[in-house]
Amino acid sequence: MADKPRRPDLAAMLAPLLRELIAAEEPVLAAHEVSMWGYVVLSALDAAPMRTQAALAATIGADKTRIIRDLDELQQRGLIERRPDPDDRRVRLLAITEAGRAVKNAVQAEIQRGEEHWLGVLDAEERRTFLRVLSRLSAGEPT
């Protein structure tokens, strides 16, 4: 007879929380007229200001053709710039604009205020530990 597992699987513990977090973000994104993918794009471009479409897609885990509609919308709103790569005119270089950074920062601040609903149950040390460990795990760092 096999031993019983001592804890639920990580996905079983994280999935309900992730669903709640995403649901809490949806009205924030809607208020700023940004899709979830649009916010992901703005965040990635803010972290590394100049990227090709292919590099951006790889970074955010999206198919490069899948994000074209989002890139079009962001560009039309003046939140990103797309210009030809001088070394290869078939390639588009992407950059966040100041307006894009302002939208991304506003969305992020509002989302993080909402996260206090969950983080508020932790004391200061638990919060620091949780955020540090989550950052390591989400970055794919070995434990």
C-alpha atoms as a PDB file:
ATOM      1  CA  MET A   1       0.000   0.000   0.000  1.00  0.00           C
ATOM      2  CA  ALA A   2       1.446   3.391  -1.022  1.00  0.00           C
ATOM      3  CA  ASP A   3       1.979   6.202   1.456  1.00  0.00           C
ATOM      4  CA  LYS A   4      -0.508   9.058   1.284  1.00  0.00           C
ATOM      5  CA  PRO A   5       0.850  12.335  -0.128  1.00  0.00           C
ATOM      6  CA  ARG A   6       1.626  14.847   2.617  1.00  0.00           C
ATOM      7  CA  ARG A   7       0.281  17.879   0.757  1.00  0.00           C
ATOM      8  CA  PRO A   8      -1.779  18.706  -2.317  1.00  0.00           C
ATOM      9  CA  ASP A   9       0.054  19.165  -5.604  1.00  0.00           C
ATOM     10  CA  LEU A  10       1.314  22.678  -6.318  1.00  0.00           C
ATOM     11  CA  ALA A  11      -1.135  23.135  -9.180  1.00  0.00           C
ATOM     12  CA  ALA A  12      -4.028  22.092  -6.938  1.00  0.00           C
ATOM     13  CA  MET A  13      -2.993  24.754  -4.417  1.00  0.00           C
ATOM     14  CA  LEU A  14      -2.160  27.500  -6.905  1.00  0.00           C
ATOM     15  CA  ALA A  15      -4.954  27.117  -9.477  1.00  0.00           C
ATOM     16  CA  PRO A  16      -7.804  28.412  -7.277  1.00  0.00           C
ATOM     17  CA  LEU A  17      -5.688  31.383  -6.171  1.00  0.00           C
ATOM     18  CA  LEU A  18      -4.654  32.119  -9.746  1.00  0.00           C
ATOM     19  CA  ARG A  19      -8.293  32.047 -10.903  1.00  0.00           C
ATOM     20  CA  GLU A  20      -9.203  34.534  -8.151  1.00  0.00           C
ATOM     21  CA  LEU A  21      -6.265  36.804  -9.017  1.00  0.00           C
ATOM     22  CA  ILE A  22      -7.150  36.819 -12.715  1.00  0.00           C
ATOM     23  CA  ALA A  23     -10.805  37.535 -11.932  1.00  0.00           C
ATOM     24  CA  ALA A  24      -9.737  40.457  -9.721  1.00  0.00           C
ATOM     25  CA  GLU A  25      -7.528  41.861 -12.496  1.00  0.00           C
ATOM     26  CA  GLU A  26     -10.185  41.761 -15.223  1.00  0.00           C
ATOM     27  CA  PRO A  27     -12.118  44.871 -14.082  1.00  0.00           C
ATOM     28  CA  VAL A  28      -8.859  46.798 -13.635  1.00  0.00           C
ATOM     29  CA  LEU A  29      -7.766  45.936 -17.165  1.00  0.00           C
ATOM     30  CA  ALA A  30     -11.210  46.789 -18.541  1.00  0.00           C
ATOM     31  CA  ALA A  31     -11.165  50.177 -16.782  1.00  0.00           C
ATOM     32  CA  HIS A  32      -7.875  50.971 -18.534  1.00  0.00           C
ATOM     33  CA  GLU A  33      -9.065  49.435 -21.827  1.00  0.00           C
ATOM     34  CA  VAL A  34      -6.165  46.975 -21.930  1.00  0.00           C
ATOM     35  CA  SER A  35      -6.438  43.232 -22.518  1.00  0.00           C
ATOM     36  CA  MET A  36      -4.536  40.779 -20.357  1.00  0.00           C
ATOM     37  CA  TRP A  37      -2.155  40.156 -23.281  1.00  0.00           C
ATOM     38  CA  GLY A  38      -1.832  43.911 -23.792  1.00  0.00           C
ATOM     39  CA  TYR A  39      -0.789  44.310 -20.154  1.00  0.00           C
ATOM     40  CA  VAL A  40       1.659  41.419 -20.482  1.00  0.00           C
ATOM     41  CA  VAL A  41       3.171  43.078 -23.578  1.00  0.00           C
ATOM     42  CA  LEU A  42       3.474  46.467 -21.856  1.00  0.00           C
ATOM     43  CA  SER A  43       5.079  44.849 -18.801  1.00  0.00           C
ATOM     44  CA  ALA A  44       7.594  42.916 -20.905  1.00  0.00           C
ATOM     45  CA  LEU A  45       8.509  45.975 -22.972  1.00  0.00           C
ATOM     46  CA  ASP A  46       8.887  48.071 -19.836  1.00  0.00           C
ATOM     47  CA  ALA A  47      11.319  45.481 -18.445  1.00  0.00           C
ATOM     48  CA  ALA A  48      13.400  45.392 -21.660  1.00  0.00           C
ATOM     49  CA  PRO A  49      12.591  48.431 -23.789  1.00  0.00           C
ATOM     50  CA  MET A  50      13.494  47.231 -27.285  1.00  0.00           C
ATOM     51  CA  ARG A  51      12.521  43.828 -28.591  1.00  0.00           C
ATOM     52  CA  THR A  52      11.644  42.160 -31.835  1.00  0.00           C
ATOM     53  CA  GLN A  53       8.160  40.700 -32.156  1.00  0.00           C
ATOM     54  CA  ALA A  54       9.654  37.198 -32.120  1.00  0.00           C
ATOM     55  CA  ALA A  55      11.714  37.881 -28.984  1.00  0.00           C
ATOM     56  CA  LEU A  56       8.715  39.424 -27.241  1.00  0.00           C
ATOM     57  CA  ALA A  57       6.520  36.439 -28.123  1.00  0.00           C
ATOM     58  CA  ALA A  58       9.149  34.028 -26.782  1.00  0.00           C
ATOM     59  CA  THR A  59       9.526  36.047 -23.577  1.00  0.00           C
ATOM     60  CA  ILE A  60       5.813  36.130 -22.812  1.00  0.00           C
ATOM     61  CA  GLY A  61       5.107  32.598 -24.019  1.00  0.00           C
ATOM     62  CA  ALA A  62       2.839  33.550 -26.911  1.00  0.00           C
ATOM     63  CA  ASP A  63       2.838  32.683 -30.580  1.00  0.00           C
ATOM     64  CA  LYS A  64       4.173  35.712 -32.467  1.00  0.00           C
ATOM     65  CA  THR A  65       1.178  35.699 -34.799  1.00  0.00           C
ATOM     66  CA  ARG A  66      -1.221  35.471 -31.809  1.00  0.00           C
ATOM     67  CA  ILE A  67      -0.155  38.843 -30.393  1.00  0.00           C
ATOM     68  CA  ILE A  68      -0.340  40.859 -33.616  1.00  0.00           C
ATOM     69  CA  ARG A  69      -3.885  42.059 -32.889  1.00  0.00           C
ATOM     70  CA  ASP A  70      -2.808  43.176 -29.406  1.00  0.00           C
ATOM     71  CA  LEU A  71       0.250  44.932 -30.822  1.00  0.00           C
ATOM     72  CA  ASP A  72      -1.938  46.689 -33.401  1.00  0.00           C
ATOM     73  CA  GLU A  73      -4.296  47.931 -30.666  1.00  0.00           C
ATOM     74  CA  LEU A  74      -1.441  49.095 -28.428  1.00  0.00           C
ATOM     75  CA  GLN A  75       0.204  50.892 -31.340  1.00  0.00           C
ATOM     76  CA  GLN A  76      -3.044  52.584 -32.403  1.00  0.00           C
ATOM     77  CA  ARG A  77      -3.453  53.912 -28.850  1.00  0.00           C
ATOM     78  CA  GLY A  78       0.133  55.190 -28.839  1.00  0.00           C
ATOM     79  CA  LEU A  79       1.201  52.805 -26.069  1.00  0.00           C
ATOM     80  CA  ILE A  80       3.934  51.099 -28.104  1.00  0.00           C
ATOM     81  CA  GLU A  81       5.991  51.872 -31.180  1.00  0.00           C
ATOM     82  CA  ARG A  82       6.815  49.415 -33.939  1.00  0.00           C
ATOM     83  CA  ARG A  83       9.475  50.309 -36.445  1.00  0.00           C
ATOM     84  CA  PRO A  84      11.518  48.375 -38.970  1.00  0.00           C
ATOM     85  CA  ASP A  85      14.852  46.998 -37.816  1.00  0.00           C
ATOM     86  CA  PRO A  86      17.544  48.892 -39.765  1.00  0.00           C
ATOM     87  CA  ASP A  87      19.462  45.614 -40.143  1.00  0.00           C
ATOM     88  CA  ASP A  88      16.481  43.624 -41.432  1.00  0.00           C
ATOM     89  CA  ARG A  89      13.439  45.560 -42.654  1.00  0.00           C
ATOM     90  CA  ARG A  90      11.253  42.435 -42.377  1.00  0.00           C
ATOM     91  CA  VAL A  91      11.740  42.543 -38.595  1.00  0.00           C
ATOM     92  CA  ARG A  92       9.821  44.982 -36.398  1.00  0.00           C
ATOM     93  CA  LEU A  93      11.390  46.480 -33.281  1.00  0.00           C
ATOM     94  CA  LEU A  94       8.993  47.169 -30.434  1.00  0.00           C
ATOM     95  CA  ALA A  95       9.299  49.788 -27.715  1.00  0.00           C
ATOM     96  CA  ILE A  96       6.976  51.019 -24.994  1.00  0.00           C
ATOM     97  CA  THR A  97       6.074  54.715 -25.138  1.00  0.00           C
ATOM     98  CA  GLU A  98       5.766  57.056 -22.171  1.00  0.00           C
ATOM     99  CA  ALA A  99       1.977  56.792 -22.533  1.00  0.00           C
ATOM    100  CA  GLY A 100       2.293  52.993 -22.503  1.00  0.00           C
ATOM    101  CA  ARG A 101       4.464  53.102 -19.407  1.00  0.00           C
ATOM    102  CA  ALA A 102       1.917  55.343 -17.669  1.00  0.00           C
ATOM    103  CA  VAL A 103      -0.928  52.917 -18.462  1.00  0.00           C
ATOM    104  CA  LYS A 104       1.149  49.913 -17.407  1.00  0.00           C
ATOM    105  CA  ASN A 105       2.148  51.617 -14.137  1.00  0.00           C
ATOM    106  CA  ALA A 106      -1.451  52.622 -13.367  1.00  0.00           C
ATOM    107  CA  VAL A 107      -2.744  49.104 -14.040  1.00  0.00           C
ATOM    108  CA  GLN A 108       0.056  47.518 -12.018  1.00  0.00           C
ATOM    109  CA  ALA A 109      -0.491  49.846  -9.047  1.00  0.00           C
ATOM    110  CA  GLU A 110      -4.214  49.135  -9.021  1.00  0.00           C
ATOM    111  CA  ILE A 111      -3.683  45.386  -9.349  1.00  0.00           C
ATOM    112  CA  GLN A 112      -1.159  45.376  -6.532  1.00  0.00           C
ATOM    113  CA  ARG A 113      -3.523  47.358  -4.275  1.00  0.00           C
ATOM    114  CA  GLY A 114      -6.095  44.637  -4.912  1.00  0.00           C
ATOM    115  CA  GLU A 115      -3.578  41.920  -4.065  1.00  0.00           C
ATOM    116  CA  GLU A 116      -3.616  43.179  -0.480  1.00  0.00           C
ATOM    117  CA  HIS A 117      -6.799  41.108  -0.120  1.00  0.00           C
ATOM    118  CA  TRP A 118      -4.549  38.018  -0.197  1.00  0.00           C
ATOM    119  CA  LEU A 119      -1.213  39.365   1.015  1.00  0.00           C
ATOM    120  CA  GLY A 120      -2.862  41.115   3.952  1.00  0.00           C
ATOM    121  CA  VAL A 121      -3.386  37.801   5.740  1.00  0.00           C
ATOM    122  CA  LEU A 122       0.399  37.332   5.955  1.00  0.00           C
ATOM    123  CA  ASP A 123       2.599  38.988   8.541  1.00  0.00           C
ATOM    124  CA  ALA A 124       5.577  41.027   7.299  1.00  0.00           C
ATOM    125  CA  GLU A 125       8.064  38.130   7.403  1.00  0.00           C
ATOM    126  CA  GLU A 126       5.657  35.699   5.732  1.00  0.00           C
ATOM    127  CA  ARG A 127       4.985  38.267   3.001  1.00  0.00           C
ATOM    128  CA  ARG A 128       8.705  38.829   2.319  1.00  0.00           C
ATOM    129  CA  THR A 129       9.345  35.088   2.243  1.00  0.00           C
ATOM    130  CA  PHE A 130       6.319  34.339   0.056  1.00  0.00           C
ATOM    131  CA  LEU A 131       7.186  37.048  -2.479  1.00  0.00           C
ATOM    132  CA  ARG A 132      10.878  36.057  -2.566  1.00  0.00           C
ATOM    133  CA  VAL A 133      10.103  32.355  -3.069  1.00  0.00           C
ATOM    134  CA  LEU A 134       7.389  33.067  -5.630  1.00  0.00           C
ATOM    135  CA  SER A 135       9.791  35.306  -7.530  1.00  0.00           C
ATOM    136  CA  ARG A 136      12.428  32.551  -7.584  1.00  0.00           C
ATOM    137  CA  LEU A 137       9.960  29.881  -8.683  1.00  0.00           C
ATOM    138  CA  SER A 138       8.374  32.036 -11.383  1.00  0.00           C
ATOM    139  CA  ALA A 139      11.837  32.948 -12.728  1.00  0.00           C
ATOM    140  CA  GLY A 140      12.591  29.255 -13.104  1.00  0.00           C
ATOM    141  CA  GLU A 141      15.521  29.395 -10.700  1.00  0.00           C
ATOM    142  CA  PRO A 142      16.586  26.093  -9.213  1.00  0.00           C
ATOM    143  CA  THR A 143      15.823  25.662  -5.545  1.00  0.00           C
END
